[in-house]
Amino acid sequence: MPGSIIRTLRENRGLKQEEVARQMGISQSAYSKIENGQTEVTVKHCKILSRTFGVNVYDFFPDDFEITRHRDEDEDGQAAEADT
């Protein structure tokens, strides 16, 4: 589960949830939900977290974790425009 890995990375660096949440531009309670697995982490947030923790984005996921992209999101986790 990415949340538990994210929690371990944060704790190993001596950071508080509030500090990481601020860098991500979200509330501490929203960040807590990511760590507790109640909310999925977005690609955009993974990029911010990888810079914050100095790790590769793929380090947030176990080796057997399957990553899928929602059809309505692009690589940055932003809503993709509809084809016209």
N, C-alpha and C. Protein backbone atom coordinates (compact mmCIF):
# COMPACT_ATOMS: atom_id res chain seq x y z
N MET A 1 0.85 -1.19 0.00
CA MET A 1 0.00 0.00 0.00
C MET A 1 0.89 1.24 0.00
N PRO A 2 0.69 2.14 -0.97
CA PRO A 2 1.53 3.33 -1.04
C PRO A 2 1.51 4.18 0.23
N GLY A 3 0.38 4.26 0.91
CA GLY A 3 0.28 5.09 2.11
C GLY A 3 1.27 4.70 3.19
N SER A 4 1.41 3.41 3.43
CA SER A 4 2.33 2.97 4.48
C SER A 4 3.78 3.24 4.10
N ILE A 5 4.10 3.13 2.82
CA ILE A 5 5.45 3.45 2.36
C ILE A 5 5.71 4.94 2.50
N ILE A 6 4.73 5.74 2.13
CA ILE A 6 4.86 7.20 2.25
C ILE A 6 5.06 7.58 3.72
N ARG A 7 4.31 6.96 4.62
CA ARG A 7 4.45 7.24 6.04
C ARG A 7 5.88 6.91 6.51
N THR A 8 6.38 5.76 6.12
CA THR A 8 7.73 5.35 6.52
C THR A 8 8.77 6.34 6.01
N LEU A 9 8.65 6.75 4.76
CA LEU A 9 9.59 7.72 4.20
C LEU A 9 9.55 9.03 4.97
N ARG A 10 8.35 9.49 5.31
CA ARG A 10 8.21 10.75 6.06
C ARG A 10 8.83 10.62 7.44
N GLU A 11 8.51 9.54 8.13
CA GLU A 11 9.03 9.35 9.49
C GLU A 11 10.55 9.19 9.49
N ASN A 12 11.09 8.50 8.50
CA ASN A 12 12.54 8.32 8.42
C ASN A 12 13.28 9.63 8.19
N ARG A 13 12.59 10.62 7.67
CA ARG A 13 13.19 11.93 7.43
C ARG A 13 12.86 12.92 8.54
N GLY A 14 12.13 12.48 9.55
CA GLY A 14 11.81 13.33 10.69
C GLY A 14 10.86 14.46 10.35
N LEU A 15 10.01 14.26 9.36
CA LEU A 15 9.06 15.29 8.96
C LEU A 15 7.70 15.04 9.60
N LYS A 16 6.98 16.11 9.83
CA LYS A 16 5.61 16.03 10.35
C LYS A 16 4.64 16.01 9.18
N GLN A 17 3.47 15.44 9.41
CA GLN A 17 2.44 15.42 8.37
C GLN A 17 2.12 16.83 7.88
N GLU A 18 2.07 17.77 8.79
CA GLU A 18 1.74 19.15 8.42
C GLU A 18 2.75 19.72 7.43
N GLU A 19 4.04 19.41 7.62
CA GLU A 19 5.09 19.92 6.75
C GLU A 19 4.94 19.37 5.33
N VAL A 20 4.72 18.07 5.24
CA VAL A 20 4.58 17.44 3.93
C VAL A 20 3.30 17.90 3.25
N ALA A 21 2.21 17.98 4.00
CA ALA A 21 0.94 18.44 3.44
C ALA A 21 1.06 19.85 2.88
N ARG A 22 1.78 20.71 3.58
CA ARG A 22 1.97 22.08 3.12
C ARG A 22 2.69 22.08 1.77
N GLN A 23 3.72 21.26 1.62
CA GLN A 23 4.45 21.19 0.36
C GLN A 23 3.58 20.66 -0.77
N MET A 24 2.64 19.80 -0.42
CA MET A 24 1.73 19.23 -1.41
C MET A 24 0.57 20.15 -1.74
N GLY A 25 0.35 21.17 -0.92
CA GLY A 25 -0.76 22.08 -1.14
C GLY A 25 -2.10 21.51 -0.70
N ILE A 26 -2.07 20.60 0.30
CA ILE A 26 -3.30 20.01 0.81
C ILE A 26 -3.33 20.15 2.33
N SER A 27 -4.46 19.87 2.93
CA SER A 27 -4.58 19.95 4.39
C SER A 27 -3.90 18.76 5.04
N GLN A 28 -3.59 18.89 6.32
CA GLN A 28 -2.99 17.79 7.07
C GLN A 28 -3.95 16.61 7.12
N SER A 29 -5.24 16.87 7.25
CA SER A 29 -6.21 15.77 7.32
C SER A 29 -6.29 15.02 5.99
N ALA A 30 -6.18 15.73 4.86
CA ALA A 30 -6.17 15.07 3.55
C ALA A 30 -4.91 14.23 3.41
N TYR A 31 -3.78 14.76 3.88
CA TYR A 31 -2.53 14.01 3.82
C TYR A 31 -2.62 12.75 4.69
N SER A 32 -3.21 12.88 5.87
CA SER A 32 -3.36 11.74 6.77
C SER A 32 -4.16 10.63 6.10
N LYS A 33 -5.18 11.00 5.33
CA LYS A 33 -6.00 10.00 4.63
C LYS A 33 -5.17 9.25 3.58
N ILE A 34 -4.19 9.92 2.96
CA ILE A 34 -3.29 9.25 2.01
C ILE A 34 -2.46 8.21 2.75
N GLU A 35 -1.86 8.61 3.87
CA GLU A 35 -1.03 7.69 4.63
C GLU A 35 -1.83 6.51 5.17
N ASN A 36 -3.08 6.73 5.52
CA ASN A 36 -3.92 5.67 6.08
C ASN A 36 -4.65 4.85 5.02
N GLY A 37 -4.41 5.15 3.75
CA GLY A 37 -5.02 4.39 2.67
C GLY A 37 -6.48 4.69 2.43
N GLN A 38 -6.98 5.80 2.98
CA GLN A 38 -8.38 6.16 2.79
C GLN A 38 -8.59 6.97 1.51
N THR A 39 -7.50 7.51 0.95
CA THR A 39 -7.54 8.30 -0.27
C THR A 39 -6.38 7.87 -1.15
N GLU A 40 -6.64 7.74 -2.44
CA GLU A 40 -5.57 7.39 -3.37
C GLU A 40 -4.68 8.62 -3.60
N VAL A 41 -3.42 8.35 -3.76
CA VAL A 41 -2.47 9.42 -4.05
C VAL A 41 -2.46 9.64 -5.57
N THR A 42 -2.44 10.91 -5.99
CA THR A 42 -2.45 11.23 -7.42
C THR A 42 -1.03 11.24 -7.98
N VAL A 43 -0.93 11.21 -9.28
CA VAL A 43 0.38 11.30 -9.93
C VAL A 43 1.05 12.62 -9.56
N LYS A 44 0.29 13.68 -9.56
CA LYS A 44 0.83 15.00 -9.21
C LYS A 44 1.42 14.96 -7.80
N HIS A 45 0.71 14.37 -6.87
CA HIS A 45 1.20 14.30 -5.49
C HIS A 45 2.41 13.38 -5.38
N CYS A 46 2.43 12.30 -6.15
CA CYS A 46 3.60 11.41 -6.14
C CYS A 46 4.85 12.16 -6.59
N LYS A 47 4.70 13.01 -7.59
CA LYS A 47 5.83 13.79 -8.06
C LYS A 47 6.34 14.73 -6.97
N ILE A 48 5.44 15.39 -6.27
CA ILE A 48 5.83 16.29 -5.18
C ILE A 48 6.50 15.50 -4.07
N LEU A 49 5.91 14.37 -3.70
CA LEU A 49 6.47 13.55 -2.63
C LEU A 49 7.84 13.00 -3.01
N SER A 50 8.04 12.62 -4.25
CA SER A 50 9.34 12.08 -4.66
C SER A 50 10.42 13.13 -4.52
N ARG A 51 10.10 14.39 -4.84
CA ARG A 51 11.08 15.48 -4.65
C ARG A 51 11.30 15.74 -3.17
N THR A 52 10.23 15.73 -2.40
CA THR A 52 10.32 16.00 -0.96
C THR A 52 11.19 14.96 -0.26
N PHE A 53 10.99 13.69 -0.62
CA PHE A 53 11.71 12.61 0.05
C PHE A 53 13.00 12.21 -0.66
N GLY A 54 13.24 12.74 -1.87
CA GLY A 54 14.45 12.41 -2.61
C GLY A 54 14.48 10.98 -3.11
N VAL A 55 13.32 10.48 -3.56
CA VAL A 55 13.22 9.10 -4.05
C VAL A 55 12.53 9.11 -5.41
N ASN A 56 12.56 7.97 -6.08
CA ASN A 56 11.87 7.78 -7.34
C ASN A 56 10.38 7.56 -7.05
N VAL A 57 9.52 8.01 -7.94
CA VAL A 57 8.07 7.85 -7.77
C VAL A 57 7.72 6.38 -7.56
N TYR A 58 8.40 5.49 -8.24
CA TYR A 58 8.09 4.07 -8.14
C TYR A 58 8.43 3.49 -6.76
N ASP A 59 9.22 4.20 -5.97
CA ASP A 59 9.54 3.72 -4.63
C ASP A 59 8.34 3.74 -3.69
N PHE A 60 7.27 4.41 -4.07
CA PHE A 60 6.06 4.47 -3.24
C PHE A 60 5.24 3.19 -3.33
N PHE A 61 5.56 2.34 -4.29
CA PHE A 61 4.74 1.18 -4.56
C PHE A 61 5.55 -0.11 -4.44
N PRO A 62 4.95 -1.15 -3.86
CA PRO A 62 5.65 -2.45 -3.79
C PRO A 62 5.90 -2.97 -5.21
N ASP A 63 6.85 -3.87 -5.35
CA ASP A 63 7.21 -4.39 -6.66
C ASP A 63 6.04 -5.03 -7.39
N ASP A 64 5.11 -5.63 -6.65
CA ASP A 64 3.99 -6.32 -7.29
C ASP A 64 2.75 -5.44 -7.44
N PHE A 65 2.88 -4.14 -7.16
CA PHE A 65 1.75 -3.22 -7.24
C PHE A 65 1.51 -2.85 -8.69
N GLU A 66 0.26 -2.97 -9.14
CA GLU A 66 -0.08 -2.64 -10.52
C GLU A 66 -0.59 -1.21 -10.58
N ILE A 67 0.07 -0.40 -11.40
CA ILE A 67 -0.30 1.00 -11.56
C ILE A 67 -1.12 1.14 -12.83
N THR A 68 -2.30 1.72 -12.69
CA THR A 68 -3.15 1.97 -13.84
C THR A 68 -3.52 3.43 -13.89
N ARG A 69 -3.74 3.92 -15.08
CA ARG A 69 -4.11 5.32 -15.25
C ARG A 69 -5.60 5.38 -15.54
N HIS A 70 -6.28 6.30 -14.86
CA HIS A 70 -7.69 6.51 -15.17
C HIS A 70 -7.80 7.06 -16.58
N ARG A 71 -8.79 6.65 -17.28
CA ARG A 71 -8.94 7.07 -18.67
C ARG A 71 -9.11 8.57 -18.81
N ASP A 72 -9.60 9.23 -17.78
CA ASP A 72 -9.85 10.67 -17.88
C ASP A 72 -8.73 11.51 -17.28
N GLU A 73 -7.53 10.91 -17.05
CA GLU A 73 -6.39 11.66 -16.51
C GLU A 73 -5.20 11.52 -17.45
N ASP A 74 -4.41 12.60 -17.52
CA ASP A 74 -3.16 12.51 -18.26
C ASP A 74 -2.04 12.15 -17.30
N GLU A 75 -0.78 12.20 -17.76
CA GLU A 75 0.35 11.78 -16.94
C GLU A 75 0.51 12.60 -15.67
N ASP A 76 0.03 13.84 -15.65
CA ASP A 76 0.17 14.70 -14.49
C ASP A 76 -1.01 14.60 -13.54
N GLY A 77 -1.91 13.66 -13.79
CA GLY A 77 -3.06 13.50 -12.93
C GLY A 77 -4.14 14.54 -13.17
N GLN A 78 -4.02 15.27 -14.26
CA GLN A 78 -5.00 16.30 -14.59
C GLN A 78 -6.07 15.71 -15.50
N ALA A 79 -7.24 16.27 -15.43
CA ALA A 79 -8.32 15.79 -16.28
C ALA A 79 -7.95 16.03 -17.74
N ALA A 80 -8.03 14.98 -18.53
CA ALA A 80 -7.72 15.08 -19.95
C ALA A 80 -8.89 15.71 -20.70
N GLU A 81 -8.55 16.43 -21.75
CA GLU A 81 -9.61 17.04 -22.55
C GLU A 81 -10.27 15.98 -23.41
N ALA A 82 -11.55 16.13 -23.60
CA ALA A 82 -12.31 15.19 -24.42
C ALA A 82 -11.94 15.39 -25.89
N ASP A 83 -11.86 14.29 -26.63
CA ASP A 83 -11.60 14.38 -28.06
C ASP A 83 -12.82 14.97 -28.75
N THR A 84 -12.56 15.91 -29.66
CA THR A 84 -13.69 16.50 -30.41
C THR A 84 -13.48 16.36 -31.87
